[in-house]
Protein backbone atom coordinates (compact mmCIF):
# COMPACT_ATOMS: atom_id res chain seq x y z
CA MET A 1 0.28 -0.44 -0.14
CA LYS A 2 2.67 2.19 0.63
CA LEU A 3 4.56 1.68 -2.55
CA TYR A 4 0.62 2.27 -4.23
CA THR A 5 0.13 6.10 -3.29
CA CYS A 6 3.45 6.63 -3.80
CA ARG A 7 3.00 6.34 -7.32
CA PHE A 8 -0.55 7.83 -7.04
CA THR A 9 0.77 11.27 -5.70
CA GLN A 10 3.68 11.30 -8.49
CA GLN A 11 1.17 11.22 -10.92
CA LYS A 12 -1.45 13.89 -9.94
CA GLY A 13 1.63 15.75 -9.50
CA ILE A 14 2.47 14.96 -13.05
CA PHE A 15 -0.08 15.92 -13.88
CA SER A 16 -0.71 19.62 -11.94
CA ARG A 17 2.69 20.69 -14.03
CA ASN A 18 1.71 19.55 -17.14
CA PHE A 19 -1.88 20.98 -17.13
CA MET A 20 -0.60 24.30 -15.83
CA MET A 21 1.95 24.23 -18.59
CA PHE A 22 -1.19 23.83 -21.14
CA ARG A 23 -2.79 26.49 -19.61
CA ILE A 24 0.38 29.00 -20.12
CA CYS A 25 0.94 28.41 -23.50
CA LEU A 26 -3.05 28.49 -24.39
CA TYR A 27 -2.85 31.68 -22.55
CA PHE A 28 0.34 32.86 -24.83
CA GLY A 29 -1.21 31.43 -28.38
CA VAL A 30 -4.02 33.60 -27.55
CA ILE A 31 -1.99 36.86 -26.93
CA ILE A 32 0.05 36.60 -30.08
CA ALA A 33 -2.93 35.07 -31.60
CA CYS A 34 -4.74 38.88 -30.92
CA ILE A 35 -1.59 40.61 -32.02
CA PHE A 36 -1.37 39.33 -35.27
CA SER A 37 -5.19 39.69 -36.02
CA GLN A 38 -5.01 43.37 -34.92
CA GLU A 39 -1.49 43.98 -37.53
CA ALA A 40 -3.23 42.50 -39.86
CA GLU A 41 -6.37 44.05 -40.27
CA GLU A 42 -6.27 47.14 -42.30
CA PRO A 43 -8.13 50.42 -41.36
CA VAL A 44 -11.47 51.45 -42.71
CA SER A 45 -11.56 54.92 -44.30
CA TYR A 46 -15.01 56.82 -45.70
CA SER A 47 -15.08 58.65 -48.13
CA CYS A 48 -18.54 61.46 -49.03
CA THR A 49 -19.74 62.69 -52.66
CA ASP A 50 -18.96 66.48 -53.28
CA GLY A 51 -20.52 68.73 -50.65
CA TYR A 52 -20.85 66.61 -47.23
CA GLU A 53 -18.27 65.23 -45.53
CA PHE A 54 -18.44 62.27 -43.20
CA ASP A 55 -18.64 62.55 -39.34
CA VAL A 56 -17.35 60.44 -36.70
CA GLY A 57 -20.02 61.30 -34.32
CA SER A 58 -22.97 59.83 -36.88
CA GLN A 59 -20.26 57.56 -38.79
CA GLY A 60 -22.23 59.14 -41.65
CA CYS A 61 -21.94 62.11 -44.72
CA LYS A 62 -22.70 65.18 -43.66
CA ASP A 63 -23.63 68.36 -45.36
CA ILE A 64 -21.11 70.64 -45.17
CA ASN A 65 -23.07 74.68 -45.16
CA GLU A 66 -20.58 76.10 -48.10
CA CYS A 67 -22.53 79.65 -46.77
CA VAL A 68 -20.22 79.59 -43.86
CA THR A 69 -16.92 77.86 -45.55
CA LEU A 70 -16.79 80.16 -48.67
CA PRO A 71 -17.02 83.67 -47.61
CA ASP A 72 -17.94 85.13 -50.82
CA ALA A 73 -20.10 81.93 -51.61
CA CYS A 74 -22.88 84.79 -53.52
CA LYS A 75 -21.97 87.97 -54.97
CA GLY A 76 -23.56 91.30 -56.22
CA GLY A 77 -26.09 91.66 -52.72
CA MET A 78 -27.35 87.78 -53.59
CA ARG A 79 -28.11 85.70 -50.17
CA CYS A 80 -26.43 82.69 -49.67
CA ILE A 81 -28.54 79.74 -49.19
CA ASN A 82 -26.75 76.30 -47.68
CA TYR A 83 -28.78 72.77 -49.13
CA TYR A 84 -28.14 69.31 -49.26
CA GLY A 85 -25.13 69.17 -51.03
CA GLY A 86 -24.57 72.31 -52.29
CA TYR A 87 -25.78 75.82 -51.79
CA PHE A 88 -27.32 78.24 -54.52
CA CYS A 89 -28.04 83.05 -54.61
CA LEU A 90 -31.04 84.48 -53.95
CA PRO A 91 -31.90 88.31 -53.88
CA PRO A 92 -32.22 89.77 -50.25
CA ASN A 93 -36.14 88.97 -51.07
CA ALA A 94 -36.44 85.76 -51.65
CA GLN A 95 -38.87 83.00 -49.73
CA ILE A 96 -37.37 79.16 -48.95
CA ILE A 97 -40.95 77.47 -47.70
CA PHE A 98 -40.64 74.13 -46.86
CA SER A 99 -43.69 71.80 -47.24
CA THR A 100 -45.13 70.07 -45.29
CA ASP A 101 -47.28 67.27 -46.99
CA GLN A 102 -46.96 63.95 -46.79
CA SER A 103 -47.53 62.50 -49.87
CA ASP A 104 -44.57 65.38 -50.90
CA THR A 105 -42.48 63.60 -48.25
CA ALA A 106 -43.55 59.98 -49.20
CA ALA A 107 -42.29 60.97 -53.25
CA GLY A 108 -38.71 61.91 -51.98
CA PRO A 109 -37.26 64.91 -52.92
CA ALA A 110 -37.47 67.70 -55.19
CA PRO A 111 -37.21 67.12 -58.77
CA GLY A 112 -33.51 68.07 -59.86
CA ILE A 113 -32.26 67.76 -56.04
CA ALA A 114 -30.46 65.11 -55.22
CA PRO A 115 -30.62 63.36 -51.63
CA ALA A 116 -27.46 63.33 -49.51
CA PRO A 117 -25.03 59.92 -50.86
CA ALA A 118 -24.60 57.33 -48.01
CA PRO A 119 -21.16 56.59 -47.42
CA VAL A 120 -19.20 54.22 -49.21
CA PRO A 121 -16.71 52.64 -46.72
CA ASP A 122 -13.53 50.52 -48.42
CA PRO A 123 -13.63 48.06 -47.84
CA THR A 124 -15.84 47.07 -44.66
CA PRO A 125 -18.98 48.32 -43.95
CA VAL A 126 -20.06 50.50 -41.44
CA PRO A 127 -23.35 51.60 -40.25
CA GLU A 128 -26.23 53.35 -42.86
CA PRO A 129 -25.60 56.94 -41.81
CA GLU A 130 -28.60 59.11 -40.36
CA PRO A 131 -31.61 59.25 -42.53
CA VAL A 132 -31.32 62.93 -44.11
CA ALA A 133 -34.41 65.49 -44.05
CA ARG A 134 -36.03 65.91 -46.73
CA GLN A 135 -35.38 68.80 -49.27
CA PRO A 136 -36.70 72.62 -48.76
CA LEU A 137 -39.21 73.31 -51.78
CA LEU A 138 -37.89 76.82 -53.30
CA VAL A 139 -41.08 79.35 -53.47
CA TRP A 140 -39.96 82.53 -54.28
CA PRO A 141 -41.45 86.67 -52.92
CA GLY A 142 -44.39 86.36 -53.44
CA PHE A 143 -45.22 82.44 -54.19
CA HIS A 144 -47.67 80.08 -51.97
CA GLY A 145 -47.71 76.41 -51.80
CA ASN A 146 -49.07 74.38 -49.52
CA ARG A 147 -49.11 70.87 -52.01
CA ARG A 148 -47.06 69.91 -55.02
CA GLY A 149 -48.38 70.80 -57.89
CA THR A 150 -50.01 74.40 -56.55
CA VAL A 151 -47.49 76.78 -56.83
CA ARG A 152 -48.28 80.56 -58.02
CA CYS A 153 -45.02 82.54 -59.18
CA SER A 154 -44.14 86.10 -58.89
CA ALA A 155 -43.95 89.12 -61.79
CA GLY A 156 -40.69 87.90 -63.76
CA PHE A 157 -41.01 84.13 -62.64
CA LEU A 158 -43.26 80.58 -64.81
CA VAL A 159 -43.92 77.70 -63.37
CA ASP A 160 -41.98 74.94 -65.44
CA GLU A 161 -43.01 70.92 -66.05
CA GLN A 162 -41.32 70.41 -62.76
CA ASN A 163 -44.07 72.30 -60.75
CA GLN A 164 -40.90 75.10 -59.94
CA CYS A 165 -40.69 78.44 -60.57
CA ARG A 166 -37.83 79.40 -63.13
CA ASP A 167 -36.83 82.59 -63.92
CA ILE A 168 -37.73 84.12 -67.11
CA ASN A 169 -35.71 85.40 -69.04
CA GLU A 170 -37.54 89.00 -71.05
CA CYS A 171 -34.69 90.25 -72.72
CA GLU A 172 -35.48 87.06 -74.72
CA THR A 173 -38.50 87.05 -74.81
CA SER A 174 -39.52 90.63 -75.06
CA ASN A 175 -36.89 93.18 -75.06
CA PRO A 176 -37.50 96.04 -73.25
CA CYS A 177 -35.00 97.49 -73.19
CA GLN A 178 -33.89 100.63 -75.86
CA HIS A 179 -30.67 99.25 -76.48
CA MET A 180 -29.23 96.54 -74.46
CA CYS A 181 -30.22 94.19 -72.10
CA PHE A 182 -29.26 92.23 -69.19
CA ASN A 183 -31.11 88.82 -67.71
CA ILE A 184 -31.18 89.10 -64.41
CA MET A 185 -33.25 86.45 -61.29
CA GLY A 186 -36.48 87.80 -61.33
CA SER A 187 -36.13 90.78 -63.84
CA TYR A 188 -33.95 92.77 -66.17
CA ILE A 189 -31.65 95.60 -66.09
CA CYS A 190 -31.58 97.72 -69.02
CA GLN A 191 -27.18 99.06 -70.27
CA CYS A 192 -26.79 101.82 -72.81
CA LYS A 193 -24.43 102.21 -75.71
CA GLN A 194 -21.33 105.01 -75.05
CA GLY A 195 -22.85 108.31 -74.93
CA PHE A 196 -26.47 107.84 -73.54
CA GLU A 197 -27.56 107.36 -70.97
CA LEU A 198 -30.43 105.15 -68.95
CA ALA A 199 -33.77 107.98 -68.87
CA PRO A 200 -35.63 107.67 -65.21
CA ASP A 201 -37.85 105.25 -66.73
CA SER A 202 -34.80 103.01 -66.15
CA ILE A 203 -35.42 101.71 -69.86
CA SER A 204 -34.71 103.89 -72.70
CA CYS A 205 -31.85 105.33 -73.32
CA GLN A 206 -31.03 109.35 -73.63
CA ASP A 207 -28.33 110.67 -74.95
CA ILE A 208 -25.53 111.83 -72.61
CA ASP A 209 -25.10 116.34 -73.36
CA GLU A 210 -20.72 116.08 -72.69
CA CYS A 211 -20.43 119.50 -73.98
CA SER A 212 -22.54 120.48 -70.70
CA TYR A 213 -19.71 119.00 -68.65
CA SER A 214 -17.06 121.39 -69.62
CA SER A 215 -16.09 123.81 -71.07
CA TYR A 216 -12.74 122.57 -71.70
CA MET A 217 -13.98 119.74 -73.58
CA CYS A 218 -12.82 121.40 -77.00
CA GLN A 219 -10.57 124.56 -77.87
CA TYR A 220 -13.47 126.25 -79.56
CA GLN A 221 -16.85 124.93 -79.92
CA CYS A 222 -18.35 121.58 -78.81
CA VAL A 223 -20.91 120.30 -80.60
CA ASN A 224 -23.26 117.66 -78.96
CA GLN A 225 -24.52 114.82 -81.22
CA PRO A 226 -26.64 111.79 -79.70
CA GLY A 227 -24.30 109.15 -78.78
CA GLN A 228 -21.47 111.57 -78.94
CA TYR A 229 -19.74 114.90 -79.51
CA THR A 230 -17.69 116.88 -82.12
CA CYS A 231 -15.43 119.87 -81.94
CA MET A 232 -15.38 122.99 -84.56
CA CYS A 233 -13.18 125.41 -84.73
CA PRO A 234 -13.76 128.45 -86.28
CA ASP A 235 -12.60 130.38 -89.71
CA GLY A 236 -8.86 129.89 -90.54
CA TYR A 237 -7.94 127.09 -88.47
CA GLN A 238 -8.44 123.35 -88.66
CA LEU A 239 -8.86 120.40 -86.10
CA GLN A 240 -6.02 118.76 -84.85
CA GLY A 241 -6.39 115.80 -83.08
CA THR A 242 -9.74 115.23 -81.36
CA SER A 243 -10.37 118.91 -80.09
CA LEU A 244 -7.88 121.14 -80.88
CA CYS A 245 -7.18 123.81 -83.18
CA GLN A 246 -4.21 124.52 -85.29
CA ASP A 247 -3.98 127.88 -87.75
CA VAL A 248 -3.95 127.55 -91.26
CA ASN A 249 -1.59 129.53 -92.97
CA GLU A 250 -3.40 130.65 -96.12
CA CYS A 251 -0.21 132.39 -97.05
CA GLU A 252 1.02 128.52 -97.70
CA THR A 253 -1.44 126.70 -99.38
CA GLY A 254 -2.52 129.38 -101.09
CA GLY A 255 -5.52 130.40 -100.04
CA HIS A 256 -5.29 134.07 -100.29
CA ASN A 257 -6.20 136.68 -102.12
CA CYS A 258 -3.26 139.35 -102.54
CA ARG A 259 -1.88 140.60 -105.33
CA ASP A 260 1.25 140.01 -106.88
CA ASP A 261 2.06 143.25 -105.70
CA GLU A 262 1.52 142.73 -101.98
CA LEU A 263 2.29 140.50 -99.59
CA CYS A 264 1.01 137.87 -97.83
CA TRP A 265 1.11 137.99 -94.08
CA ASN A 266 -0.40 135.08 -92.38
CA TYR A 267 -1.48 135.67 -88.52
CA HIS A 268 -3.52 133.31 -86.23
CA GLY A 269 -7.09 132.77 -87.50
CA GLY A 270 -6.62 134.54 -91.04
CA PHE A 271 -4.44 136.75 -93.14
CA ARG A 272 -3.70 140.05 -94.37
CA CYS A 273 -2.49 142.07 -97.72
CA TYR A 274 0.55 144.39 -97.65
CA PRO A 275 1.96 146.41 -100.06
CA ARG A 276 5.94 145.12 -101.36
CA ASN A 277 6.42 148.96 -101.98
CA PRO A 278 5.44 150.48 -98.00
CA CYS A 279 7.38 153.61 -99.17
CA HIS A 280 5.91 157.45 -99.58
CA GLU A 281 7.11 160.64 -100.30
CA PRO A 282 10.06 162.03 -99.73
CA TYR A 283 11.31 158.21 -99.17
CA VAL A 284 12.18 155.34 -101.63
CA ARG A 285 12.86 151.45 -101.42
CA THR A 286 15.76 150.91 -100.81
CA GLY A 287 15.84 147.25 -99.53
CA GLU A 288 13.16 144.86 -98.86
CA ASN A 289 10.80 147.16 -96.05
CA ARG A 290 13.14 149.29 -96.02
CA CYS A 291 12.42 153.11 -97.53
CA THR A 292 15.40 155.66 -97.13
CA CYS A 293 14.95 159.91 -97.68
CA SER A 294 16.04 160.64 -101.38
CA SER A 295 16.83 163.79 -100.85
CA PRO A 296 18.79 165.77 -97.74
CA SER A 297 17.09 168.88 -97.99
CA LEU A 298 13.70 166.91 -97.93
CA CYS A 299 14.51 164.96 -95.13
CA HIS A 300 15.39 167.81 -92.37
CA GLY A 301 13.69 167.21 -89.07
CA VAL A 302 12.56 163.70 -90.22
CA THR A 303 14.26 159.93 -89.62
CA PRO A 304 16.47 159.76 -92.68
CA SER A 305 15.68 155.98 -92.30
CA ILE A 306 12.54 153.47 -92.35
CA VAL A 307 12.40 149.61 -91.77
CA TYR A 308 9.12 147.86 -92.07
CA LYS A 309 8.38 144.51 -90.12
CA TYR A 310 5.36 142.12 -89.28
CA MET A 311 4.47 139.95 -86.88
CA SER A 312 1.01 138.85 -85.35
CA ILE A 313 0.49 137.46 -81.09
CA LEU A 314 -2.65 135.82 -80.16
CA SER A 315 -5.28 137.20 -78.21
CA ASP A 316 -5.03 138.26 -74.33
CA ARG A 317 -1.57 136.97 -73.81
CA SER A 318 -0.26 136.72 -70.63
CA VAL A 319 1.66 139.66 -69.90
CA PRO A 320 4.40 140.85 -68.71
CA ALA A 321 6.26 139.18 -72.30
CA ASP A 322 9.19 139.32 -74.50
CA ILE A 323 7.85 140.32 -78.42
CA PHE A 324 9.83 141.86 -80.35
CA GLN A 325 13.77 141.85 -80.10
CA ILE A 326 15.19 145.39 -82.27
CA GLN A 327 19.06 145.71 -82.56
CA ALA A 328 21.42 148.31 -84.72
CA THR A 329 22.57 146.56 -88.01
CA ASN A 330 25.97 148.39 -88.11
CA ILE A 331 28.68 148.80 -84.79
CA TYR A 332 30.61 151.72 -85.64
CA ALA A 333 33.09 153.19 -82.96
CA ASN A 334 32.73 156.11 -80.29
CA THR A 335 28.90 155.29 -80.44
CA HIS A 336 26.33 155.64 -77.86
CA ASN A 337 22.81 153.73 -79.19
CA THR A 338 19.52 155.04 -76.98
CA PHE A 339 16.33 153.80 -77.85
CA ARG A 340 12.45 154.38 -77.38
CA ILE A 341 9.24 153.66 -78.67
CA LYS A 342 7.99 157.45 -80.45
CA ALA A 343 4.51 156.63 -81.61
CA GLY A 344 1.64 153.84 -80.52
CA ASN A 345 1.52 153.57 -77.35
CA GLU A 346 -0.64 156.11 -76.01
CA GLY A 347 -2.28 153.30 -74.05
CA GLY A 348 0.91 152.39 -72.19
CA GLU A 349 0.84 148.40 -73.27
CA PHE A 350 4.47 148.45 -73.93
CA PHE A 351 7.56 148.92 -72.27
CA LEU A 352 11.35 149.21 -74.72
CA ARG A 353 13.98 147.50 -72.35
CA ARG A 354 17.72 148.28 -73.26
CA SER A 355 19.25 144.77 -73.34
CA SER A 356 22.76 146.53 -74.39
CA ASN A 357 24.76 149.60 -76.17
CA VAL A 358 23.38 148.10 -79.90
CA SER A 359 19.92 146.24 -79.07
CA ALA A 360 16.89 146.49 -76.91
CA MET A 361 13.19 144.55 -76.63
CA LEU A 362 9.98 145.68 -76.86
CA MET A 363 7.36 144.22 -73.86
CA LEU A 364 4.35 144.01 -73.75
CA THR A 365 2.83 144.79 -70.71
CA LYS A 366 -0.68 144.63 -71.42
CA PRO A 367 -2.85 142.25 -72.54
CA LEU A 368 -4.75 143.19 -76.04
CA THR A 369 -7.75 141.77 -77.20
CA GLY A 370 -7.98 140.31 -81.10
CA PRO A 371 -8.67 141.37 -83.88
CA ARG A 372 -7.15 144.57 -84.12
CA GLU A 373 -3.69 145.76 -85.82
CA HIS A 374 -1.42 147.38 -84.16
CA ILE A 375 1.25 149.55 -85.33
CA VAL A 376 4.31 150.81 -82.64
CA ASP A 377 7.11 152.71 -83.82
CA LEU A 378 10.46 151.97 -82.30
CA GLU A 379 13.00 154.90 -82.61
CA MET A 380 17.31 154.04 -82.45
CA LEU A 381 19.13 157.18 -81.78
CA THR A 382 22.83 157.10 -82.45
CA HIS A 383 25.18 159.29 -80.83
CA ASN A 384 29.17 159.66 -81.89
CA THR A 385 30.88 160.78 -79.11
CA VAL A 386 33.72 162.09 -81.04
CA LEU A 387 32.58 163.77 -84.33
CA ASN A 388 29.50 165.13 -82.41
CA TYR A 389 27.37 162.97 -84.77
CA ARG A 390 24.16 162.20 -84.27
CA SER A 391 21.31 160.14 -86.25
CA SER A 392 18.42 158.07 -86.01
CA SER A 393 17.00 155.02 -87.14
CA LEU A 394 13.13 153.24 -87.26
CA LEU A 395 11.41 150.34 -87.00
CA ARG A 396 8.31 150.68 -87.43
CA LEU A 397 6.57 147.19 -86.31
CA THR A 398 2.68 145.93 -87.20
CA LEU A 399 1.24 144.00 -84.08
CA ILE A 400 -1.73 141.49 -86.08
CA VAL A 401 -3.27 140.65 -82.58
CA GLY A 402 -5.00 137.80 -83.73
CA PRO A 403 -9.08 137.26 -82.77
CA TYR A 404 -8.26 133.82 -80.08
CA SER A 405 -6.07 133.27 -77.79
CA PHE A 406 -5.14 129.72 -79.17
């Protein structure tokens, strides 16, 4: 009995140890299997159609509110309205009315509006997303709809075959504008061509009088025409560009009527004819525009020689201004020259400034308004300090003042 008992105890201890080792191996196997199974499992990705994003909390696709995420979703004063999968822009006074008819709910989404898409799991399916609320029925200002099939649209809209109010393109159906028509949602706007502006009725166009905007539109005269304006120039001028007037030189173009024995002199806005021989008794012509006294006995007390010069100036020229220079043609030693205005300055319009011993500058001190002709006699007195000899010469300047300041 003692031998039997001893053997039984040994077998029982061996069995207990083996069973314990089996349990330990089983635990390790389960743990290793779980680890390998987790590493082998691929992550699940979800994708939604445009206008939706996956919501982890609801495990479904949720609409994106573009009116919040896009700062400039609608422009031109339009109001942004979000709807499932997108958004649309409406006038500020537009309304959105949700339909409560049970038949509408059973019929599904409104025509032309896609329902919210279900999430697309890849590769393992996920629970179905929560049902998306039914889309609203779009009704424009003044519309009333309590069930599908009964819709009344306001002006600018028309019920279409889908029982929705659609915009009427007035520019194609009636073209109410006089010039250009642009269709907008529920209405239209008119625009005029260049040179016109909208009349108070916002439909017809009226001419813009550009000439009334400013007196500087044209250099001389502005003539308004339908949709535009033109600049005119006075006689003796021609249009340069679109607004300026340029003098026409009739003496060069042949547009004068001077005789052969006359000299054509052009001035701003016209021409004058002067005799080629301006000399009168007791003077004789000794050169171009030069007259000399022929007899010393007849010329006692008068200027021995006279030179004729012509020049033109603009009307109302700004002053003071240097306009003409007189200069001695012959220079002698031991001589002293003085200059003065002998005639033609009764109104004090001129001043003769001595520049040097042989020259002087005629200055305009008062504006001259044309058209007019002004003759000024400029005299140079010569005094020889050695021989005590005195002489004088006269320059007769004819100033032709044009009729305009250009």
